[in-house]
Amino acid sequence: MTEADAVLDVRDRDDPPFPVISDALDDLSPGESLLLVNGFEPEPLYDVLADRGFDHETERVDDDEWHVTIERE
């Protein structure tokens, strides 16, 4: 995967991040990607991504920072 078309950092959100992530995914066109920055590995998200037709790659960049690059197939 290449550089993301959009970045969404949900580390400092006070509300649940899933609705915001879901909205960002809805905005992706085929072939576009989103870099999700999170404070933990969002394992529950992976099944949702697969069910919705997205590929993803996850990288732990620090103890409390995970980057998930999500691409619409």
PDB file of N, CA and C in Angstrom:
ATOM      1  N   MET A   1       0.840  -1.183   0.000  1.00  0.00           N
ATOM      2  CA  MET A   1       0.000   0.000   0.000  1.00  0.00           C
ATOM      3  C   MET A   1       0.885   1.245   0.000  1.00  0.00           C
ATOM      4  N   THR A   2       0.406   2.275  -0.643  1.00  0.00           N
ATOM      5  CA  THR A   2       1.172   3.511  -0.757  1.00  0.00           C
ATOM      6  C   THR A   2       0.673   4.523   0.268  1.00  0.00           C
ATOM      7  N   GLU A   3       1.142   5.755   0.128  1.00  0.00           N
ATOM      8  CA  GLU A   3       0.732   6.818   1.036  1.00  0.00           C
ATOM      9  C   GLU A   3      -0.788   6.986   1.009  1.00  0.00           C
ATOM     10  N   ALA A   4      -1.374   7.191   2.192  1.00  0.00           N
ATOM     11  CA  ALA A   4      -2.830   7.255   2.318  1.00  0.00           C
ATOM     12  C   ALA A   4      -3.396   8.547   1.726  1.00  0.00           C
ATOM     13  N   ASP A   5      -4.620   8.451   1.234  1.00  0.00           N
ATOM     14  CA  ASP A   5      -5.331   9.606   0.704  1.00  0.00           C
ATOM     15  C   ASP A   5      -5.888  10.483   1.823  1.00  0.00           C
ATOM     16  N   ALA A   6      -6.141   9.890   2.996  1.00  0.00           N
ATOM     17  CA  ALA A   6      -6.692  10.631   4.140  1.00  0.00           C
ATOM     18  C   ALA A   6      -6.108  10.045   5.420  1.00  0.00           C
ATOM     19  N   VAL A   7      -6.064  10.878   6.472  1.00  0.00           N
ATOM     20  CA  VAL A   7      -5.564  10.454   7.781  1.00  0.00           C
ATOM     21  C   VAL A   7      -6.637  10.755   8.811  1.00  0.00           C
ATOM     22  N   LEU A   8      -6.885   9.779   9.692  1.00  0.00           N
ATOM     23  CA  LEU A   8      -7.837   9.951  10.781  1.00  0.00           C
ATOM     24  C   LEU A   8      -7.150   9.525  12.067  1.00  0.00           C
ATOM     25  N   ASP A   9      -6.924  10.479  12.961  1.00  0.00           N
ATOM     26  CA  ASP A   9      -6.280  10.218  14.251  1.00  0.00           C
ATOM     27  C   ASP A   9      -7.372  10.216  15.312  1.00  0.00           C
ATOM     28  N   VAL A  10      -7.615   9.059  15.927  1.00  0.00           N
ATOM     29  CA  VAL A  10      -8.689   8.937  16.917  1.00  0.00           C
ATOM     30  C   VAL A  10      -8.146   8.777  18.339  1.00  0.00           C
ATOM     31  N   ARG A  11      -6.877   9.027  18.543  1.00  0.00           N
ATOM     32  CA  ARG A  11      -6.274   8.799  19.866  1.00  0.00           C
ATOM     33  C   ARG A  11      -6.841   9.677  20.958  1.00  0.00           C
ATOM     34  N   ASP A  12      -7.194  10.907  20.664  1.00  0.00           N
ATOM     35  CA  ASP A  12      -7.614  11.831  21.724  1.00  0.00           C
ATOM     36  C   ASP A  12      -9.121  12.073  21.754  1.00  0.00           C
ATOM     37  N   ARG A  13      -9.881  11.210  21.139  1.00  0.00           N
ATOM     38  CA  ARG A  13     -11.336  11.389  21.107  1.00  0.00           C
ATOM     39  C   ARG A  13     -11.936  11.010  22.461  1.00  0.00           C
ATOM     40  N   ASP A  14     -12.952  11.767  22.886  1.00  0.00           N
ATOM     41  CA  ASP A  14     -13.672  11.455  24.116  1.00  0.00           C
ATOM     42  C   ASP A  14     -14.858  10.533  23.844  1.00  0.00           C
ATOM     43  N   ASP A  15     -15.324  10.515  22.598  1.00  0.00           N
ATOM     44  CA  ASP A  15     -16.462   9.684  22.238  1.00  0.00           C
ATOM     45  C   ASP A  15     -15.955   8.405  21.561  1.00  0.00           C
ATOM     46  N   PRO A  16     -16.806   7.400  21.431  1.00  0.00           N
ATOM     47  CA  PRO A  16     -16.371   6.173  20.761  1.00  0.00           C
ATOM     48  C   PRO A  16     -15.937   6.467  19.323  1.00  0.00           C
ATOM     49  N   PRO A  17     -14.798   5.937  18.896  1.00  0.00           N
ATOM     50  CA  PRO A  17     -14.276   6.284  17.573  1.00  0.00           C
ATOM     51  C   PRO A  17     -14.946   5.551  16.417  1.00  0.00           C
ATOM     52  N   PHE A  18     -15.652   4.451  16.678  1.00  0.00           N
ATOM     53  CA  PHE A  18     -16.147   3.656  15.565  1.00  0.00           C
ATOM     54  C   PHE A  18     -17.052   4.423  14.602  1.00  0.00           C
ATOM     55  N   PRO A  19     -18.010   5.242  15.072  1.00  0.00           N
ATOM     56  CA  PRO A  19     -18.846   5.970  14.109  1.00  0.00           C
ATOM     57  C   PRO A  19     -18.039   6.898  13.190  1.00  0.00           C
ATOM     58  N   VAL A  20     -17.018   7.526  13.731  1.00  0.00           N
ATOM     59  CA  VAL A  20     -16.177   8.429  12.940  1.00  0.00           C
ATOM     60  C   VAL A  20     -15.362   7.624  11.925  1.00  0.00           C
ATOM     61  N   ILE A  21     -14.855   6.473  12.360  1.00  0.00           N
ATOM     62  CA  ILE A  21     -14.102   5.603  11.452  1.00  0.00           C
ATOM     63  C   ILE A  21     -15.023   5.104  10.339  1.00  0.00           C
ATOM     64  N   SER A  22     -16.225   4.680  10.710  1.00  0.00           N
ATOM     65  CA  SER A  22     -17.180   4.181   9.728  1.00  0.00           C
ATOM     66  C   SER A  22     -17.513   5.254   8.683  1.00  0.00           C
ATOM     67  N   ASP A  23     -17.717   6.485   9.135  1.00  0.00           N
ATOM     68  CA  ASP A  23     -17.997   7.587   8.203  1.00  0.00           C
ATOM     69  C   ASP A  23     -16.829   7.822   7.257  1.00  0.00           C
ATOM     70  N   ALA A  24     -15.604   7.753   7.792  1.00  0.00           N
ATOM     71  CA  ALA A  24     -14.412   7.956   6.958  1.00  0.00           C
ATOM     72  C   ALA A  24     -14.290   6.839   5.921  1.00  0.00           C
ATOM     73  N   LEU A  25     -14.638   5.618   6.306  1.00  0.00           N
ATOM     74  CA  LEU A  25     -14.594   4.507   5.360  1.00  0.00           C
ATOM     75  C   LEU A  25     -15.626   4.689   4.255  1.00  0.00           C
ATOM     76  N   ASP A  26     -16.803   5.187   4.620  1.00  0.00           N
ATOM     77  CA  ASP A  26     -17.860   5.428   3.631  1.00  0.00           C
ATOM     78  C   ASP A  26     -17.426   6.439   2.582  1.00  0.00           C
ATOM     79  N   ASP A  27     -16.536   7.354   2.962  1.00  0.00           N
ATOM     80  CA  ASP A  27     -16.082   8.404   2.052  1.00  0.00           C
ATOM     81  C   ASP A  27     -15.016   7.928   1.065  1.00  0.00           C
ATOM     82  N   LEU A  28     -14.454   6.731   1.298  1.00  0.00           N
ATOM     83  CA  LEU A  28     -13.392   6.240   0.417  1.00  0.00           C
ATOM     84  C   LEU A  28     -13.964   5.704  -0.887  1.00  0.00           C
ATOM     85  N   SER A  29     -13.357   6.109  -1.983  1.00  0.00           N
ATOM     86  CA  SER A  29     -13.689   5.561  -3.298  1.00  0.00           C
ATOM     87  C   SER A  29     -12.813   4.341  -3.552  1.00  0.00           C
ATOM     88  N   PRO A  30     -13.183   3.492  -4.497  1.00  0.00           N
ATOM     89  CA  PRO A  30     -12.334   2.346  -4.826  1.00  0.00           C
ATOM     90  C   PRO A  30     -10.903   2.791  -5.149  1.00  0.00           C
ATOM     91  N   GLY A  31      -9.937   2.103  -4.540  1.00  0.00           N
ATOM     92  CA  GLY A  31      -8.533   2.420  -4.754  1.00  0.00           C
ATOM     93  C   GLY A  31      -7.984   3.458  -3.800  1.00  0.00           C
ATOM     94  N   GLU A  32      -8.841   4.152  -3.057  1.00  0.00           N
ATOM     95  CA  GLU A  32      -8.370   5.141  -2.083  1.00  0.00           C
ATOM     96  C   GLU A  32      -8.077   4.460  -0.754  1.00  0.00           C
ATOM     97  N   SER A  33      -7.259   5.151   0.068  1.00  0.00           N
ATOM     98  CA  SER A  33      -6.882   4.573   1.354  1.00  0.00           C
ATOM     99  C   SER A  33      -6.977   5.603   2.465  1.00  0.00           C
ATOM    100  N   LEU A  34      -7.095   5.073   3.671  1.00  0.00           N
ATOM    101  CA  LEU A  34      -7.195   5.866   4.891  1.00  0.00           C
ATOM    102  C   LEU A  34      -6.140   5.376   5.862  1.00  0.00           C
ATOM    103  N   LEU A  35      -5.397   6.298   6.460  1.00  0.00           N
ATOM    104  CA  LEU A  35      -4.475   5.951   7.536  1.00  0.00           C
ATOM    105  C   LEU A  35      -5.178   6.240   8.849  1.00  0.00           C
ATOM    106  N   LEU A  36      -5.484   5.194   9.604  1.00  0.00           N
ATOM    107  CA  LEU A  36      -6.096   5.327  10.918  1.00  0.00           C
ATOM    108  C   LEU A  36      -4.989   5.293  11.955  1.00  0.00           C
ATOM    109  N   VAL A  37      -4.934   6.318  12.804  1.00  0.00           N
ATOM    110  CA  VAL A  37      -3.953   6.388  13.882  1.00  0.00           C
ATOM    111  C   VAL A  37      -4.716   6.153  15.181  1.00  0.00           C
ATOM    112  N   ASN A  38      -4.289   5.130  15.939  1.00  0.00           N
ATOM    113  CA  ASN A  38      -5.010   4.739  17.140  1.00  0.00           C
ATOM    114  C   ASN A  38      -4.021   4.498  18.275  1.00  0.00           C
ATOM    115  N   GLY A  39      -4.517   4.553  19.500  1.00  0.00           N
ATOM    116  CA  GLY A  39      -3.670   4.349  20.669  1.00  0.00           C
ATOM    117  C   GLY A  39      -3.503   2.893  21.060  1.00  0.00           C
ATOM    118  N   PHE A  40      -4.222   1.994  20.381  1.00  0.00           N
ATOM    119  CA  PHE A  40      -4.120   0.563  20.632  1.00  0.00           C
ATOM    120  C   PHE A  40      -4.437  -0.166  19.325  1.00  0.00           C
ATOM    121  N   GLU A  41      -4.097  -1.438  19.274  1.00  0.00           N
ATOM    122  CA  GLU A  41      -4.417  -2.188  18.057  1.00  0.00           C
ATOM    123  C   GLU A  41      -5.928  -2.425  18.005  1.00  0.00           C
ATOM    124  N   PRO A  42      -6.582  -1.928  16.967  1.00  0.00           N
ATOM    125  CA  PRO A  42      -8.045  -2.025  16.897  1.00  0.00           C
ATOM    126  C   PRO A  42      -8.519  -3.366  16.323  1.00  0.00           C
ATOM    127  N   GLU A  43      -8.182  -4.451  17.012  1.00  0.00           N
ATOM    128  CA  GLU A  43      -8.494  -5.787  16.514  1.00  0.00           C
ATOM    129  C   GLU A  43      -9.974  -5.989  16.181  1.00  0.00           C
ATOM    130  N   PRO A  44     -10.923  -5.465  16.972  1.00  0.00           N
ATOM    131  CA  PRO A  44     -12.336  -5.667  16.617  1.00  0.00           C
ATOM    132  C   PRO A  44     -12.711  -5.058  15.262  1.00  0.00           C
ATOM    133  N   LEU A  45     -11.943  -4.088  14.810  1.00  0.00           N
ATOM    134  CA  LEU A  45     -12.226  -3.433  13.539  1.00  0.00           C
ATOM    135  C   LEU A  45     -11.912  -4.328  12.337  1.00  0.00           C
ATOM    136  N   TYR A  46     -10.999  -5.269  12.493  1.00  0.00           N
ATOM    137  CA  TYR A  46     -10.530  -6.055  11.361  1.00  0.00           C
ATOM    138  C   TYR A  46     -11.648  -6.868  10.701  1.00  0.00           C
ATOM    139  N   ASP A  47     -12.511  -7.495  11.487  1.00  0.00           N
ATOM    140  CA  ASP A  47     -13.622  -8.258  10.914  1.00  0.00           C
ATOM    141  C   ASP A  47     -14.595  -7.342  10.185  1.00  0.00           C
ATOM    142  N   VAL A  48     -14.827  -6.157  10.741  1.00  0.00           N
ATOM    143  CA  VAL A  48     -15.707  -5.182  10.103  1.00  0.00           C
ATOM    144  C   VAL A  48     -15.128  -4.777   8.752  1.00  0.00           C
ATOM    145  N   LEU A  49     -13.827  -4.522   8.719  1.00  0.00           N
ATOM    146  CA  LEU A  49     -13.173  -4.141   7.464  1.00  0.00           C
ATOM    147  C   LEU A  49     -13.318  -5.244   6.423  1.00  0.00           C
ATOM    148  N   ALA A  50     -13.069  -6.471   6.828  1.00  0.00           N
ATOM    149  CA  ALA A  50     -13.171  -7.594   5.895  1.00  0.00           C
ATOM    150  C   ALA A  50     -14.605  -7.737   5.381  1.00  0.00           C
ATOM    151  N   ASP A  51     -15.575  -7.615   6.276  1.00  0.00           N
ATOM    152  CA  ASP A  51     -16.980  -7.747   5.883  1.00  0.00           C
ATOM    153  C   ASP A  51     -17.403  -6.651   4.908  1.00  0.00           C
ATOM    154  N   ARG A  52     -16.775  -5.482   5.021  1.00  0.00           N
ATOM    155  CA  ARG A  52     -17.149  -4.348   4.171  1.00  0.00           C
ATOM    156  C   ARG A  52     -16.280  -4.235   2.917  1.00  0.00           C
ATOM    157  N   GLY A  53     -15.362  -5.183   2.718  1.00  0.00           N
ATOM    158  CA  GLY A  53     -14.573  -5.203   1.492  1.00  0.00           C
ATOM    159  C   GLY A  53     -13.340  -4.325   1.503  1.00  0.00           C
ATOM    160  N   PHE A  54     -12.732  -4.147   2.670  1.00  0.00           N
ATOM    161  CA  PHE A  54     -11.519  -3.349   2.782  1.00  0.00           C
ATOM    162  C   PHE A  54     -10.326  -4.248   3.081  1.00  0.00           C
ATOM    163  N   ASP A  55      -9.166  -3.880   2.537  1.00  0.00           N
ATOM    164  CA  ASP A  55      -7.892  -4.485   2.918  1.00  0.00           C
ATOM    165  C   ASP A  55      -7.263  -3.584   3.970  1.00  0.00           C
ATOM    166  N   HIS A  56      -6.399  -4.154   4.814  1.00  0.00           N
ATOM    167  CA  HIS A  56      -5.707  -3.313   5.793  1.00  0.00           C
ATOM    168  C   HIS A  56      -4.331  -3.888   6.108  1.00  0.00           C
ATOM    169  N   GLU A  57      -3.464  -2.985   6.515  1.00  0.00           N
ATOM    170  CA  GLU A  57      -2.144  -3.339   7.036  1.00  0.00           C
ATOM    171  C   GLU A  57      -1.964  -2.571   8.330  1.00  0.00           C
ATOM    172  N   THR A  58      -1.448  -3.247   9.348  1.00  0.00           N
ATOM    173  CA  THR A  58      -1.276  -2.633  10.661  1.00  0.00           C
ATOM    174  C   THR A  58       0.191  -2.574  11.025  1.00  0.00           C
ATOM    175  N   GLU A  59       0.585  -1.436  11.601  1.00  0.00           N
ATOM    176  CA  GLU A  59       1.965  -1.257  12.052  1.00  0.00           C
ATOM    177  C   GLU A  59       1.950  -0.607  13.427  1.00  0.00           C
ATOM    178  N   ARG A  60       2.670  -1.207  14.366  1.00  0.00           N
ATOM    179  CA  ARG A  60       2.845  -0.600  15.687  1.00  0.00           C
ATOM    180  C   ARG A  60       4.063   0.311  15.606  1.00  0.00           C
ATOM    181  N   VAL A  61       3.831   1.624  15.777  1.00  0.00           N
ATOM    182  CA  VAL A  61       4.934   2.571  15.636  1.00  0.00           C
ATOM    183  C   VAL A  61       5.481   3.039  16.978  1.00  0.00           C
ATOM    184  N   ASP A  62       4.736   2.777  18.065  1.00  0.00           N
ATOM    185  CA  ASP A  62       5.178   3.127  19.411  1.00  0.00           C
ATOM    186  C   ASP A  62       4.338   2.299  20.383  1.00  0.00           C
ATOM    187  N   ASP A  63       4.659   2.367  21.669  1.00  0.00           N
ATOM    188  CA  ASP A  63       3.903   1.592  22.644  1.00  0.00           C
ATOM    189  C   ASP A  63       2.418   1.928  22.628  1.00  0.00           C
ATOM    190  N   ASP A  64       2.099   3.200  22.362  1.00  0.00           N
ATOM    191  CA  ASP A  64       0.701   3.623  22.379  1.00  0.00           C
ATOM    192  C   ASP A  64       0.273   4.265  21.054  1.00  0.00           C
ATOM    193  N   GLU A  65       0.886   3.803  19.966  1.00  0.00           N
ATOM    194  CA  GLU A  65       0.506   4.334  18.655  1.00  0.00           C
ATOM    195  C   GLU A  65       0.543   3.231  17.606  1.00  0.00           C
ATOM    196  N   TRP A  66      -0.602   3.024  16.989  1.00  0.00           N
ATOM    197  CA  TRP A  66      -0.774   2.030  15.939  1.00  0.00           C
ATOM    198  C   TRP A  66      -1.256   2.723  14.683  1.00  0.00           C
ATOM    199  N   HIS A  67      -0.718   2.341  13.545  1.00  0.00           N
ATOM    200  CA  HIS A  67      -1.160   2.874  12.250  1.00  0.00           C
ATOM    201  C   HIS A  67      -1.798   1.722  11.476  1.00  0.00           C
ATOM    202  N   VAL A  68      -3.032   1.953  11.047  1.00  0.00           N
ATOM    203  CA  VAL A  68      -3.740   0.976  10.229  1.00  0.00           C
ATOM    204  C   VAL A  68      -4.044   1.646   8.894  1.00  0.00           C
ATOM    205  N   THR A  69      -3.428   1.146   7.837  1.00  0.00           N
ATOM    206  CA  THR A  69      -3.694   1.655   6.508  1.00  0.00           C
ATOM    207  C   THR A  69      -4.809   0.798   5.911  1.00  0.00           C
ATOM    208  N   ILE A  70      -5.902   1.450   5.574  1.00  0.00           N
ATOM    209  CA  ILE A  70      -7.115   0.769   5.101  1.00  0.00           C
ATOM    210  C   ILE A  70      -7.357   1.195   3.657  1.00  0.00           C
ATOM    211  N   GLU A  71      -7.587   0.207   2.802  1.00  0.00           N
ATOM    212  CA  GLU A  71      -7.816   0.512   1.385  1.00  0.00           C
ATOM    213  C   GLU A  71      -9.089  -0.169   0.918  1.00  0.00           C
ATOM    214  N   ARG A  72      -9.896   0.617   0.181  1.00  0.00           N
ATOM    215  CA  ARG A  72     -11.102   0.029  -0.411  1.00  0.00           C
ATOM    216  C   ARG A  72     -10.687  -0.767  -1.629  1.00  0.00           C
ATOM    217  N   GLU A  73     -11.160  -2.013  -1.706  1.00  0.00           N
ATOM    218  CA  GLU A  73     -10.817  -2.899  -2.828  1.00  0.00           C
ATOM    219  C   GLU A  73     -11.516  -2.452  -4.089  1.00  0.00           C
TER     220      GLU A  73
END
